[in-house]
Amino acid sequence: MTVHYVGSLLETGTQFDNSRGRGQPFEFKLGVGQVISAWDLGVASMRQGELAIIECKSNHGYGWEGSPPKIPRDASLKFEVELFGWVEKTIEDMSNAEKLAHAQEARTVGTASFKEQDFYAALEKFADGVDHLVAMDRGGAKEPEAHAALLSCLLNAAQCELKMSNWSGAADRCSKALALEPENVKALFRRGVAYTELQRFADAKADLVCACKLEPKSREIREQFEKTKAAHAEARSAERSAFGGVLK
């Protein structure tokens, strides 16, 4: 949160702090113990641009000890607070529910960018979604909704990598997706495409054969397998030519 504020003692009106006088707004994170509880409760209810008065007894301020020398013991306080904006939460500050919501929003925005063929922007969003989902604690990350969202973000990110010819990146993201779901056809197919471009032909064929067994009616998978075989044959022919027929 970013605010300007004037703090005074409620009983006497004596001012003890003024961010306006310092000429610099005050920034803090809400709900993490950086400010007195009156602020955590009061500022949370404010709208951007709002000017509010927050009054509190000592139990929501500085307690019976106060904050000498300016704030005496057991003092009731009054703050005039103007809210300018919010400090973005870091991943570490978010709850599991917030991380999941953030990731789902990132996936939605990434999908829109992908449809517009802005693959770099889409990849950034999908990768952001992955980061937030991976950061969930173990129990939360295993929830079906989170699991499905993570798998989707990884697969979408892999597709972006393929569109940008980032073969190693695509293969890596597919491998992570397959760690979540070993028989995922899309992950096997996309990694097979990436491995073909990386000339890892044996690995590519293995992935495509698995994908074909899982989805035998897929023409796309069969066609890619034939492309991989042809690329492998061409590569071996080039090797034989380069080494004067020494290779078998």
C-alpha atoms as a PDB file:
ATOM      1  CA  MET A   1       0.000   0.000   0.000  1.00  0.00           C
ATOM      2  CA  THR A   2       1.102   3.592  -0.654  1.00  0.00           C
ATOM      3  CA  VAL A   3      -0.348   6.284   1.606  1.00  0.00           C
ATOM      4  CA  HIS A   4       0.102   9.731   3.064  1.00  0.00           C
ATOM      5  CA  TYR A   5      -0.908  10.064   6.704  1.00  0.00           C
ATOM      6  CA  VAL A   6      -0.995  12.368   9.687  1.00  0.00           C
ATOM      7  CA  GLY A   7      -0.935  10.719  13.129  1.00  0.00           C
ATOM      8  CA  SER A   8      -2.071  12.424  16.333  1.00  0.00           C
ATOM      9  CA  LEU A   9      -3.112  11.592  19.880  1.00  0.00           C
ATOM     10  CA  LEU A  10      -6.880  11.287  19.994  1.00  0.00           C
ATOM     11  CA  GLU A  11      -7.325  12.900  23.445  1.00  0.00           C
ATOM     12  CA  THR A  12      -5.102  15.956  22.988  1.00  0.00           C
ATOM     13  CA  GLY A  13      -4.803  16.311  19.196  1.00  0.00           C
ATOM     14  CA  THR A  14      -1.009  16.425  19.502  1.00  0.00           C
ATOM     15  CA  GLN A  15       0.571  15.406  16.210  1.00  0.00           C
ATOM     16  CA  PHE A  16       3.327  12.783  16.445  1.00  0.00           C
ATOM     17  CA  ASP A  17       3.951  11.867  12.798  1.00  0.00           C
ATOM     18  CA  ASN A  18       3.279  13.341   9.364  1.00  0.00           C
ATOM     19  CA  SER A  19       4.390  11.748   6.075  1.00  0.00           C
ATOM     20  CA  ARG A  20       3.286  14.866   4.188  1.00  0.00           C
ATOM     21  CA  GLY A  21       5.729  16.911   6.241  1.00  0.00           C
ATOM     22  CA  ARG A  22       8.511  14.570   5.117  1.00  0.00           C
ATOM     23  CA  GLY A  23       7.346  14.927   1.515  1.00  0.00           C
ATOM     24  CA  GLN A  24       7.439  11.178   0.908  1.00  0.00           C
ATOM     25  CA  PRO A  25       4.515   8.691   0.870  1.00  0.00           C
ATOM     26  CA  PHE A  26       4.707   5.670   3.130  1.00  0.00           C
ATOM     27  CA  GLU A  27       4.718   2.187   1.592  1.00  0.00           C
ATOM     28  CA  PHE A  28       3.902  -1.021   3.443  1.00  0.00           C
ATOM     29  CA  LYS A  29       2.507  -4.522   2.982  1.00  0.00           C
ATOM     30  CA  LEU A  30      -0.949  -5.116   4.351  1.00  0.00           C
ATOM     31  CA  GLY A  31      -1.636  -7.934   6.806  1.00  0.00           C
ATOM     32  CA  VAL A  32       1.952  -9.017   7.475  1.00  0.00           C
ATOM     33  CA  GLY A  33       2.585  -7.144  10.745  1.00  0.00           C
ATOM     34  CA  GLN A  34       4.473  -4.171   9.305  1.00  0.00           C
ATOM     35  CA  VAL A  35       1.973  -1.667  10.766  1.00  0.00           C
ATOM     36  CA  ILE A  36      -0.346  -1.497  13.793  1.00  0.00           C
ATOM     37  CA  SER A  37      -3.480  -3.625  13.569  1.00  0.00           C
ATOM     38  CA  ALA A  38      -5.709  -0.536  13.240  1.00  0.00           C
ATOM     39  CA  TRP A  39      -4.058   0.126   9.901  1.00  0.00           C
ATOM     40  CA  ASP A  40      -4.294  -3.480   8.737  1.00  0.00           C
ATOM     41  CA  LEU A  41      -8.034  -3.378   9.479  1.00  0.00           C
ATOM     42  CA  GLY A  42      -8.798   0.182   8.426  1.00  0.00           C
ATOM     43  CA  VAL A  43      -6.744   0.572   5.252  1.00  0.00           C
ATOM     44  CA  ALA A  44      -7.990  -2.800   3.977  1.00  0.00           C
ATOM     45  CA  SER A  45     -11.482  -1.318   3.710  1.00  0.00           C
ATOM     46  CA  MET A  46     -10.388   1.794   1.788  1.00  0.00           C
ATOM     47  CA  ARG A  47     -10.647   2.507  -1.921  1.00  0.00           C
ATOM     48  CA  GLN A  48      -7.867   3.977  -4.049  1.00  0.00           C
ATOM     49  CA  GLY A  49      -7.881   7.772  -3.758  1.00  0.00           C
ATOM     50  CA  GLU A  50      -9.957   7.751  -0.549  1.00  0.00           C
ATOM     51  CA  LEU A  51      -9.151  10.010   2.402  1.00  0.00           C
ATOM     52  CA  ALA A  52     -10.234   8.443   5.703  1.00  0.00           C
ATOM     53  CA  ILE A  53      -9.977   8.948   9.441  1.00  0.00           C
ATOM     54  CA  ILE A  54      -8.883   5.909  11.449  1.00  0.00           C
ATOM     55  CA  GLU A  55      -9.289   6.071  15.230  1.00  0.00           C
ATOM     56  CA  CYS A  56      -8.231   3.318  17.603  1.00  0.00           C
ATOM     57  CA  LYS A  57      -7.654   2.457  21.227  1.00  0.00           C
ATOM     58  CA  SER A  58      -4.266   1.280  22.390  1.00  0.00           C
ATOM     59  CA  ASN A  59      -5.027  -2.418  21.852  1.00  0.00           C
ATOM     60  CA  HIS A  60      -5.062  -1.741  18.086  1.00  0.00           C
ATOM     61  CA  GLY A  61      -2.231   0.787  18.337  1.00  0.00           C
ATOM     62  CA  TYR A  62       0.971   0.626  20.370  1.00  0.00           C
ATOM     63  CA  GLY A  63      -0.448  -1.176  23.405  1.00  0.00           C
ATOM     64  CA  TRP A  64      -0.192  -0.184  27.029  1.00  0.00           C
ATOM     65  CA  GLU A  65       3.541   0.524  26.645  1.00  0.00           C
ATOM     66  CA  GLY A  66       3.040   3.122  23.896  1.00  0.00           C
ATOM     67  CA  SER A  67       5.999   4.282  21.799  1.00  0.00           C
ATOM     68  CA  PRO A  68       7.897   6.834  23.881  1.00  0.00           C
ATOM     69  CA  PRO A  69       8.621   9.660  23.753  1.00  0.00           C
ATOM     70  CA  LYS A  70       5.925  10.744  21.279  1.00  0.00           C
ATOM     71  CA  ILE A  71       3.200   8.195  22.076  1.00  0.00           C
ATOM     72  CA  PRO A  72       2.453   7.709  25.796  1.00  0.00           C
ATOM     73  CA  ARG A  73       1.248   4.559  27.471  1.00  0.00           C
ATOM     74  CA  ASP A  74      -2.214   3.252  26.666  1.00  0.00           C
ATOM     75  CA  ALA A  75      -2.805   6.043  24.134  1.00  0.00           C
ATOM     76  CA  SER A  76      -5.786   6.214  21.783  1.00  0.00           C
ATOM     77  CA  LEU A  77      -4.760   7.396  18.313  1.00  0.00           C
ATOM     78  CA  LYS A  78      -6.173   9.199  15.298  1.00  0.00           C
ATOM     79  CA  PHE A  79      -4.837   8.928  11.754  1.00  0.00           C
ATOM     80  CA  GLU A  80      -5.806  10.852   8.650  1.00  0.00           C
ATOM     81  CA  VAL A  81      -4.913   8.458   5.813  1.00  0.00           C
ATOM     82  CA  GLU A  82      -5.004   8.999   2.048  1.00  0.00           C
ATOM     83  CA  LEU A  83      -4.638   5.825  -0.007  1.00  0.00           C
ATOM     84  CA  PHE A  84      -2.827   6.182  -3.341  1.00  0.00           C
ATOM     85  CA  GLY A  85      -2.335   2.592  -4.449  1.00  0.00           C
ATOM     86  CA  TRP A  86      -1.250  -0.932  -3.638  1.00  0.00           C
ATOM     87  CA  VAL A  87       2.126  -2.587  -3.327  1.00  0.00           C
ATOM     88  CA  GLU A  88       2.025  -5.780  -5.403  1.00  0.00           C
ATOM     89  CA  LYS A  89       2.198  -8.929  -3.322  1.00  0.00           C
ATOM     90  CA  THR A  90       5.164 -11.221  -3.897  1.00  0.00           C
ATOM     91  CA  ILE A  91       4.629 -14.947  -4.400  1.00  0.00           C
ATOM     92  CA  GLU A  92       5.848 -15.558  -0.854  1.00  0.00           C
ATOM     93  CA  ASP A  93       3.153 -13.257   0.533  1.00  0.00           C
ATOM     94  CA  MET A  94       0.287 -15.014  -1.263  1.00  0.00           C
ATOM     95  CA  SER A  95      -1.952 -17.743   0.070  1.00  0.00           C
ATOM     96  CA  ASN A  96      -2.485 -20.896  -1.996  1.00  0.00           C
ATOM     97  CA  ALA A  97      -5.852 -19.552  -3.146  1.00  0.00           C
ATOM     98  CA  GLU A  98      -4.242 -16.292  -4.290  1.00  0.00           C
ATOM     99  CA  LYS A  99      -1.479 -18.127  -6.138  1.00  0.00           C
ATOM    100  CA  LEU A 100      -4.029 -20.276  -7.954  1.00  0.00           C
ATOM    101  CA  ALA A 101      -6.190 -17.266  -8.862  1.00  0.00           C
ATOM    102  CA  HIS A 102      -3.134 -15.380 -10.141  1.00  0.00           C
ATOM    103  CA  ALA A 103      -2.033 -18.357 -12.240  1.00  0.00           C
ATOM    104  CA  GLN A 104      -5.481 -18.804 -13.759  1.00  0.00           C
ATOM    105  CA  GLU A 105      -5.607 -15.119 -14.690  1.00  0.00           C
ATOM    106  CA  ALA A 106      -2.118 -15.363 -16.215  1.00  0.00           C
ATOM    107  CA  ARG A 107      -3.232 -18.376 -18.257  1.00  0.00           C
ATOM    108  CA  THR A 108      -6.272 -16.480 -19.564  1.00  0.00           C
ATOM    109  CA  VAL A 109      -4.166 -13.484 -20.612  1.00  0.00           C
ATOM    110  CA  GLY A 110      -1.528 -15.793 -22.113  1.00  0.00           C
ATOM    111  CA  THR A 111      -4.155 -17.598 -24.175  1.00  0.00           C
ATOM    112  CA  ALA A 112      -5.394 -14.272 -25.571  1.00  0.00           C
ATOM    113  CA  SER A 113      -1.823 -13.285 -26.512  1.00  0.00           C
ATOM    114  CA  PHE A 114      -1.265 -16.669 -28.150  1.00  0.00           C
ATOM    115  CA  LYS A 115      -4.377 -16.229 -30.294  1.00  0.00           C
ATOM    116  CA  GLU A 116      -2.952 -12.892 -31.416  1.00  0.00           C
ATOM    117  CA  GLN A 117       0.291 -14.737 -32.272  1.00  0.00           C
ATOM    118  CA  ASP A 118       2.258 -12.742 -29.710  1.00  0.00           C
ATOM    119  CA  PHE A 119       4.080 -15.847 -28.574  1.00  0.00           C
ATOM    120  CA  TYR A 120       6.690 -14.078 -26.449  1.00  0.00           C
ATOM    121  CA  ALA A 121       4.045 -12.267 -24.380  1.00  0.00           C
ATOM    122  CA  ALA A 122       2.030 -15.476 -24.103  1.00  0.00           C
ATOM    123  CA  LEU A 123       5.078 -17.429 -22.916  1.00  0.00           C
ATOM    124  CA  GLU A 124       5.768 -14.838 -20.216  1.00  0.00           C
ATOM    125  CA  LYS A 125       2.242 -15.229 -18.861  1.00  0.00           C
ATOM    126  CA  PHE A 126       2.244 -19.023 -18.934  1.00  0.00           C
ATOM    127  CA  ALA A 127       5.667 -19.089 -17.245  1.00  0.00           C
ATOM    128  CA  ASP A 128       4.350 -16.693 -14.583  1.00  0.00           C
ATOM    129  CA  GLY A 129       1.449 -19.051 -13.997  1.00  0.00           C
ATOM    130  CA  VAL A 130       3.844 -21.977 -13.613  1.00  0.00           C
ATOM    131  CA  ASP A 131       5.948 -20.049 -11.081  1.00  0.00           C
ATOM    132  CA  HIS A 132       2.927 -19.309  -8.889  1.00  0.00           C
ATOM    133  CA  LEU A 133       1.577 -22.849  -9.047  1.00  0.00           C
ATOM    134  CA  VAL A 134       4.937 -24.437  -8.285  1.00  0.00           C
ATOM    135  CA  ALA A 135       5.233 -22.110  -5.276  1.00  0.00           C
ATOM    136  CA  MET A 136       2.080 -23.544  -3.702  1.00  0.00           C
ATOM    137  CA  ASP A 137       2.697 -25.747  -0.705  1.00  0.00           C
ATOM    138  CA  ARG A 138       2.709 -29.481  -1.291  1.00  0.00           C
ATOM    139  CA  GLY A 139      -0.864 -30.076  -0.189  1.00  0.00           C
ATOM    140  CA  GLY A 140      -2.276 -27.206  -2.218  1.00  0.00           C
ATOM    141  CA  ALA A 141      -0.309 -28.070  -5.335  1.00  0.00           C
ATOM    142  CA  LYS A 142      -1.871 -31.543  -5.341  1.00  0.00           C
ATOM    143  CA  GLU A 143      -5.405 -30.190  -5.472  1.00  0.00           C
ATOM    144  CA  PRO A 144      -7.037 -31.222  -8.790  1.00  0.00           C
ATOM    145  CA  GLU A 145      -7.662 -27.627  -9.894  1.00  0.00           C
ATOM    146  CA  ALA A 146      -4.064 -26.587  -9.232  1.00  0.00           C
ATOM    147  CA  HIS A 147      -2.702 -29.754 -10.847  1.00  0.00           C
ATOM    148  CA  ALA A 148      -4.771 -29.172 -13.992  1.00  0.00           C
ATOM    149  CA  ALA A 149      -3.771 -25.499 -14.156  1.00  0.00           C
ATOM    150  CA  LEU A 150      -0.063 -26.332 -13.845  1.00  0.00           C
ATOM    151  CA  LEU A 151      -0.290 -28.984 -16.548  1.00  0.00           C
ATOM    152  CA  SER A 152      -2.121 -26.553 -18.844  1.00  0.00           C
ATOM    153  CA  CYS A 153       0.405 -23.744 -18.298  1.00  0.00           C
ATOM    154  CA  LEU A 154       3.339 -26.080 -18.996  1.00  0.00           C
ATOM    155  CA  LEU A 155       1.773 -27.430 -22.183  1.00  0.00           C
ATOM    156  CA  ASN A 156       0.862 -23.959 -23.406  1.00  0.00           C
ATOM    157  CA  ALA A 157       4.347 -22.686 -22.635  1.00  0.00           C
ATOM    158  CA  ALA A 158       5.806 -25.610 -24.590  1.00  0.00           C
ATOM    159  CA  GLN A 159       3.633 -24.717 -27.569  1.00  0.00           C
ATOM    160  CA  CYS A 160       4.908 -21.128 -27.433  1.00  0.00           C
ATOM    161  CA  GLU A 161       8.493 -22.407 -27.360  1.00  0.00           C
ATOM    162  CA  LEU A 162       7.801 -24.518 -30.451  1.00  0.00           C
ATOM    163  CA  LYS A 163       6.316 -21.526 -32.274  1.00  0.00           C
ATOM    164  CA  MET A 164       9.487 -19.567 -31.519  1.00  0.00           C
ATOM    165  CA  SER A 165      11.773 -22.504 -32.448  1.00  0.00           C
ATOM    166  CA  ASN A 166      13.083 -22.765 -28.888  1.00  0.00           C
ATOM    167  CA  TRP A 167      13.416 -26.541 -29.085  1.00  0.00           C
ATOM    168  CA  SER A 168      15.287 -27.122 -25.820  1.00  0.00           C
ATOM    169  CA  GLY A 169      12.829 -24.964 -23.895  1.00  0.00           C
ATOM    170  CA  ALA A 170       9.891 -26.827 -25.407  1.00  0.00           C
ATOM    171  CA  ALA A 171      11.395 -30.211 -24.548  1.00  0.00           C
ATOM    172  CA  ASP A 172      12.093 -29.129 -20.966  1.00  0.00           C
ATOM    173  CA  ARG A 173       8.543 -27.892 -20.379  1.00  0.00           C
ATOM    174  CA  CYS A 174       7.093 -31.068 -21.869  1.00  0.00           C
ATOM    175  CA  SER A 175       9.294 -33.161 -19.601  1.00  0.00           C
ATOM    176  CA  LYS A 176       7.946 -31.282 -16.591  1.00  0.00           C
ATOM    177  CA  ALA A 177       4.390 -31.857 -17.822  1.00  0.00           C
ATOM    178  CA  LEU A 178       5.113 -35.563 -18.242  1.00  0.00           C
ATOM    179  CA  ALA A 179       6.424 -35.703 -14.673  1.00  0.00           C
ATOM    180  CA  LEU A 180       2.897 -34.693 -13.656  1.00  0.00           C
ATOM    181  CA  GLU A 181       1.099 -36.929 -16.158  1.00  0.00           C
ATOM    182  CA  PRO A 182       3.345 -39.548 -17.836  1.00  0.00           C
ATOM    183  CA  GLU A 183       0.817 -40.478 -20.519  1.00  0.00           C
ATOM    184  CA  ASN A 184      -0.151 -36.992 -21.629  1.00  0.00           C
ATOM    185  CA  VAL A 185      -0.448 -37.169 -25.423  1.00  0.00           C
ATOM    186  CA  LYS A 186       0.128 -33.464 -26.047  1.00  0.00           C
ATOM    187  CA  ALA A 187       3.308 -33.468 -23.991  1.00  0.00           C
ATOM    188  CA  LEU A 188       4.626 -36.580 -25.727  1.00  0.00           C
ATOM    189  CA  PHE A 189       3.808 -35.195 -29.168  1.00  0.00           C
ATOM    190  CA  ARG A 190       5.288 -31.748 -28.562  1.00  0.00           C
ATOM    191  CA  ARG A 191       8.440 -33.183 -27.006  1.00  0.00           C
ATOM    192  CA  GLY A 192       8.705 -35.526 -29.997  1.00  0.00           C
ATOM    193  CA  VAL A 193       8.608 -32.494 -32.305  1.00  0.00           C
ATOM    194  CA  ALA A 194      11.242 -30.701 -30.214  1.00  0.00           C
ATOM    195  CA  TYR A 195      13.502 -33.765 -30.047  1.00  0.00           C
ATOM    196  CA  THR A 196      13.281 -34.129 -33.825  1.00  0.00           C
ATOM    197  CA  GLU A 197      14.522 -30.569 -34.317  1.00  0.00           C
ATOM    198  CA  LEU A 198      17.287 -31.228 -31.796  1.00  0.00           C
ATOM    199  CA  GLN A 199      18.200 -34.363 -33.807  1.00  0.00           C
ATOM    200  CA  ARG A 200      17.532 -36.597 -30.839  1.00  0.00           C
ATOM    201  CA  PHE A 201      15.814 -38.977 -33.196  1.00  0.00           C
ATOM    202  CA  ALA A 202      15.641 -42.073 -30.979  1.00  0.00           C
ATOM    203  CA  ASP A 203      14.031 -40.075 -28.169  1.00  0.00           C
ATOM    204  CA  ALA A 204      11.674 -38.397 -30.639  1.00  0.00           C
ATOM    205  CA  LYS A 205      10.544 -41.723 -32.065  1.00  0.00           C
ATOM    206  CA  ALA A 206      10.016 -43.188 -28.610  1.00  0.00           C
ATOM    207  CA  ASP A 207       7.765 -40.260 -27.614  1.00  0.00           C
ATOM    208  CA  LEU A 208       5.799 -40.364 -30.854  1.00  0.00           C
ATOM    209  CA  VAL A 209       5.281 -44.126 -30.655  1.00  0.00           C
ATOM    210  CA  CYS A 210       3.911 -43.718 -27.112  1.00  0.00           C
ATOM    211  CA  ALA A 211       1.654 -40.888 -28.265  1.00  0.00           C
ATOM    212  CA  CYS A 212       0.398 -42.956 -31.189  1.00  0.00           C
ATOM    213  CA  LYS A 213      -0.420 -45.910 -28.936  1.00  0.00           C
ATOM    214  CA  LEU A 214      -2.406 -43.618 -26.652  1.00  0.00           C
ATOM    215  CA  GLU A 215      -4.191 -41.924 -29.530  1.00  0.00           C
ATOM    216  CA  PRO A 216      -3.989 -44.313 -32.506  1.00  0.00           C
ATOM    217  CA  LYS A 217      -6.459 -42.359 -34.670  1.00  0.00           C
ATOM    218  CA  SER A 218      -4.388 -39.181 -34.655  1.00  0.00           C
ATOM    219  CA  ARG A 219      -3.242 -38.342 -38.170  1.00  0.00           C
ATOM    220  CA  GLU A 220      -1.054 -35.517 -36.837  1.00  0.00           C
ATOM    221  CA  ILE A 221       1.000 -37.888 -34.700  1.00  0.00           C
ATOM    222  CA  ARG A 222       1.471 -40.400 -37.546  1.00  0.00           C
ATOM    223  CA  GLU A 223       2.538 -37.660 -39.941  1.00  0.00           C
ATOM    224  CA  GLN A 224       5.049 -36.314 -37.427  1.00  0.00           C
ATOM    225  CA  PHE A 225       6.465 -39.802 -36.920  1.00  0.00           C
ATOM    226  CA  GLU A 226       7.028 -40.090 -40.685  1.00  0.00           C
ATOM    227  CA  LYS A 227       8.702 -36.653 -40.707  1.00  0.00           C
ATOM    228  CA  THR A 228      10.967 -37.743 -37.877  1.00  0.00           C
ATOM    229  CA  LYS A 229      11.918 -40.947 -39.695  1.00  0.00           C
ATOM    230  CA  ALA A 230      12.683 -38.981 -42.858  1.00  0.00           C
ATOM    231  CA  ALA A 231      14.749 -36.409 -40.948  1.00  0.00           C
ATOM    232  CA  HIS A 232      16.679 -39.212 -39.248  1.00  0.00           C
ATOM    233  CA  ALA A 233      17.388 -40.907 -42.577  1.00  0.00           C
ATOM    234  CA  GLU A 234      18.507 -37.626 -44.089  1.00  0.00           C
ATOM    235  CA  ALA A 235      20.817 -36.937 -41.165  1.00  0.00           C
ATOM    236  CA  ARG A 236      22.404 -40.394 -41.443  1.00  0.00           C
ATOM    237  CA  SER A 237      22.864 -39.922 -45.175  1.00  0.00           C
ATOM    238  CA  ALA A 238      24.609 -36.615 -44.555  1.00  0.00           C
ATOM    239  CA  GLU A 239      26.859 -38.269 -41.971  1.00  0.00           C
ATOM    240  CA  ARG A 240      27.822 -41.040 -44.376  1.00  0.00           C
ATOM    241  CA  SER A 241      28.669 -38.502 -47.065  1.00  0.00           C
ATOM    242  CA  ALA A 242      30.722 -36.425 -44.639  1.00  0.00           C
ATOM    243  CA  PHE A 243      32.765 -39.448 -43.539  1.00  0.00           C
ATOM    244  CA  GLY A 244      33.296 -40.891 -47.004  1.00  0.00           C
ATOM    245  CA  GLY A 245      31.124 -43.946 -46.562  1.00  0.00           C
ATOM    246  CA  VAL A 246      32.926 -45.171 -43.447  1.00  0.00           C
ATOM    247  CA  LEU A 247      29.717 -45.146 -41.408  1.00  0.00           C
ATOM    248  CA  LYS A 248      27.240 -47.972 -41.851  1.00  0.00           C
END
